[in-house]
Amino acid sequence: MSDSILKKLESTREMMIRSGIEHGFSNIETIRLSKKLDHLLNIYQLQNVDKMNDYNFTMENVKH
């Protein structure tokens, strides 16, 4: 599932950058894509929070 989110993230990021260059960063389409990218990033982060917690716990054990 996170592979498809990553593909959507990359695609949306590219479209947002292209829109910003062509139409300006305050353009309604650029802003829409920016909000979509934020939403996708939130989904990705929520899907991976357990992985990050496991990693952080493991790193804490290594330090001691």
N, C-alpha and C. Protein backbone atom coordinates (compact mmCIF):
# COMPACT_ATOMS: atom_id res chain seq x y z
N MET A 1 0.83 -1.20 0.00
CA MET A 1 0.00 0.00 0.00
C MET A 1 0.86 1.25 0.00
N SER A 2 1.96 1.25 0.74
CA SER A 2 2.75 2.47 0.81
C SER A 2 3.47 2.75 -0.52
N ASP A 3 3.69 1.72 -1.34
CA ASP A 3 4.28 1.96 -2.66
C ASP A 3 3.35 2.80 -3.53
N SER A 4 2.05 2.51 -3.49
CA SER A 4 1.11 3.29 -4.28
C SER A 4 1.00 4.72 -3.75
N ILE A 5 1.07 4.87 -2.43
CA ILE A 5 1.07 6.22 -1.85
C ILE A 5 2.31 6.98 -2.29
N LEU A 6 3.47 6.31 -2.28
CA LEU A 6 4.70 6.96 -2.71
C LEU A 6 4.62 7.41 -4.17
N LYS A 7 4.02 6.59 -5.02
CA LYS A 7 3.85 6.97 -6.43
C LYS A 7 2.93 8.17 -6.55
N LYS A 8 1.84 8.17 -5.78
CA LYS A 8 0.92 9.30 -5.80
C LYS A 8 1.60 10.56 -5.26
N LEU A 9 2.40 10.39 -4.22
CA LEU A 9 3.14 11.53 -3.65
C LEU A 9 4.06 12.15 -4.71
N GLU A 10 4.83 11.32 -5.36
CA GLU A 10 5.79 11.81 -6.35
C GLU A 10 5.07 12.47 -7.53
N SER A 11 4.02 11.84 -8.00
CA SER A 11 3.26 12.38 -9.13
C SER A 11 2.63 13.73 -8.77
N THR A 12 2.02 13.79 -7.60
CA THR A 12 1.38 15.04 -7.15
C THR A 12 2.41 16.13 -6.94
N ARG A 13 3.55 15.77 -6.38
CA ARG A 13 4.63 16.75 -6.17
C ARG A 13 5.10 17.34 -7.49
N GLU A 14 5.29 16.47 -8.47
CA GLU A 14 5.73 16.93 -9.79
C GLU A 14 4.68 17.84 -10.44
N MET A 15 3.41 17.46 -10.34
CA MET A 15 2.34 18.29 -10.91
C MET A 15 2.26 19.65 -10.21
N MET A 16 2.45 19.65 -8.88
CA MET A 16 2.40 20.90 -8.12
C MET A 16 3.54 21.83 -8.52
N ILE A 17 4.74 21.27 -8.65
CA ILE A 17 5.89 22.09 -9.05
C ILE A 17 5.66 22.64 -10.45
N ARG A 18 5.21 21.80 -11.36
CA ARG A 18 4.95 22.24 -12.73
C ARG A 18 3.88 23.36 -12.75
N SER A 19 2.82 23.16 -11.99
CA SER A 19 1.76 24.17 -11.91
C SER A 19 2.30 25.48 -11.33
N GLY A 20 3.12 25.37 -10.29
CA GLY A 20 3.69 26.57 -9.68
C GLY A 20 4.57 27.35 -10.65
N ILE A 21 5.36 26.63 -11.44
CA ILE A 21 6.24 27.29 -12.42
C ILE A 21 5.43 27.92 -13.54
N GLU A 22 4.44 27.18 -14.03
CA GLU A 22 3.66 27.66 -15.18
C GLU A 22 2.61 28.71 -14.81
N HIS A 23 1.99 28.57 -13.63
CA HIS A 23 0.84 29.42 -13.31
C HIS A 23 1.05 30.30 -12.07
N GLY A 24 2.11 30.03 -11.33
CA GLY A 24 2.37 30.79 -10.11
C GLY A 24 2.00 29.99 -8.88
N PHE A 25 2.66 30.32 -7.79
CA PHE A 25 2.47 29.55 -6.56
C PHE A 25 1.19 29.90 -5.82
N SER A 26 0.54 31.01 -6.18
CA SER A 26 -0.74 31.35 -5.54
C SER A 26 -1.92 30.97 -6.44
N ASN A 27 -1.64 30.30 -7.55
CA ASN A 27 -2.69 29.82 -8.46
C ASN A 27 -3.55 28.77 -7.77
N ILE A 28 -4.84 28.79 -8.05
CA ILE A 28 -5.79 27.89 -7.39
C ILE A 28 -5.44 26.41 -7.63
N GLU A 29 -4.97 26.07 -8.82
CA GLU A 29 -4.61 24.69 -9.12
C GLU A 29 -3.35 24.27 -8.34
N THR A 30 -2.39 25.17 -8.25
CA THR A 30 -1.17 24.90 -7.48
C THR A 30 -1.52 24.67 -6.01
N ILE A 31 -2.40 25.51 -5.49
CA ILE A 31 -2.82 25.38 -4.09
C ILE A 31 -3.59 24.08 -3.88
N ARG A 32 -4.45 23.72 -4.83
CA ARG A 32 -5.20 22.46 -4.73
C ARG A 32 -4.23 21.28 -4.67
N LEU A 33 -3.23 21.30 -5.55
CA LEU A 33 -2.24 20.22 -5.56
C LEU A 33 -1.40 20.20 -4.29
N SER A 34 -1.11 21.37 -3.75
CA SER A 34 -0.37 21.45 -2.49
C SER A 34 -1.17 20.81 -1.35
N LYS A 35 -2.46 21.09 -1.31
CA LYS A 35 -3.32 20.50 -0.28
C LYS A 35 -3.43 18.99 -0.47
N LYS A 36 -3.51 18.55 -1.73
CA LYS A 36 -3.56 17.12 -2.00
C LYS A 36 -2.27 16.45 -1.54
N LEU A 37 -1.14 17.09 -1.81
CA LEU A 37 0.16 16.56 -1.38
C LEU A 37 0.22 16.48 0.14
N ASP A 38 -0.25 17.50 0.84
CA ASP A 38 -0.29 17.47 2.31
C ASP A 38 -1.11 16.29 2.80
N HIS A 39 -2.26 16.08 2.17
CA HIS A 39 -3.14 14.98 2.56
C HIS A 39 -2.44 13.62 2.36
N LEU A 40 -1.80 13.46 1.21
CA LEU A 40 -1.09 12.21 0.93
C LEU A 40 0.06 12.00 1.90
N LEU A 41 0.77 13.07 2.25
CA LEU A 41 1.86 12.96 3.23
C LEU A 41 1.33 12.54 4.60
N ASN A 42 0.18 13.07 4.97
CA ASN A 42 -0.43 12.68 6.25
C ASN A 42 -0.79 11.20 6.24
N ILE A 43 -1.36 10.73 5.15
CA ILE A 43 -1.71 9.31 5.04
C ILE A 43 -0.45 8.45 5.13
N TYR A 44 0.57 8.83 4.39
CA TYR A 44 1.82 8.08 4.40
C TYR A 44 2.42 8.02 5.80
N GLN A 45 2.42 9.16 6.46
CA GLN A 45 2.99 9.23 7.80
C GLN A 45 2.19 8.37 8.78
N LEU A 46 0.87 8.40 8.70
CA LEU A 46 0.05 7.57 9.57
C LEU A 46 0.28 6.08 9.33
N GLN A 47 0.46 5.72 8.08
CA GLN A 47 0.70 4.31 7.75
C GLN A 47 2.06 3.83 8.27
N ASN A 48 2.98 4.75 8.44
CA ASN A 48 4.35 4.36 8.80
C ASN A 48 4.73 4.74 10.23
N VAL A 49 3.80 5.23 11.02
CA VAL A 49 4.11 5.66 12.38
C VAL A 49 4.58 4.47 13.23
N ASP A 50 3.98 3.31 13.07
CA ASP A 50 4.41 2.15 13.84
C ASP A 50 5.83 1.74 13.48
N LYS A 51 6.16 1.82 12.20
CA LYS A 51 7.52 1.48 11.77
C LYS A 51 8.53 2.43 12.39
N MET A 52 8.18 3.73 12.43
CA MET A 52 9.08 4.72 13.01
C MET A 52 9.22 4.51 14.52
N ASN A 53 8.12 4.18 15.19
CA ASN A 53 8.19 3.93 16.63
C ASN A 53 9.07 2.72 16.91
N ASP A 54 8.93 1.68 16.12
CA ASP A 54 9.77 0.49 16.29
C ASP A 54 11.24 0.84 16.08
N TYR A 55 11.51 1.64 15.06
CA TYR A 55 12.89 2.04 14.76
C TYR A 55 13.46 2.87 15.91
N ASN A 56 12.69 3.84 16.38
CA ASN A 56 13.17 4.69 17.48
C ASN A 56 13.42 3.88 18.74
N PHE A 57 12.54 2.92 19.03
CA PHE A 57 12.73 2.07 20.20
C PHE A 57 14.02 1.26 20.06
N THR A 58 14.24 0.72 18.89
CA THR A 58 15.45 -0.07 18.63
C THR A 58 16.69 0.80 18.79
N MET A 59 16.66 2.02 18.28
CA MET A 59 17.81 2.91 18.38
C MET A 59 18.08 3.30 19.83
N GLU A 60 17.03 3.45 20.63
CA GLU A 60 17.22 3.77 22.05
C GLU A 60 17.94 2.62 22.75
N ASN A 61 17.61 1.40 22.39
CA ASN A 61 18.26 0.24 23.00
C ASN A 61 19.72 0.15 22.60
N VAL A 62 20.05 0.57 21.42
CA VAL A 62 21.43 0.51 20.93
C VAL A 62 22.29 1.53 21.69
N LYS A 63 21.74 2.66 22.04
CA LYS A 63 22.50 3.72 22.71
C LYS A 63 22.94 3.31 24.12
N HIS A 64 22.18 2.42 24.75
CA HIS A 64 22.46 2.10 26.15
C HIS A 64 23.26 0.86 26.29
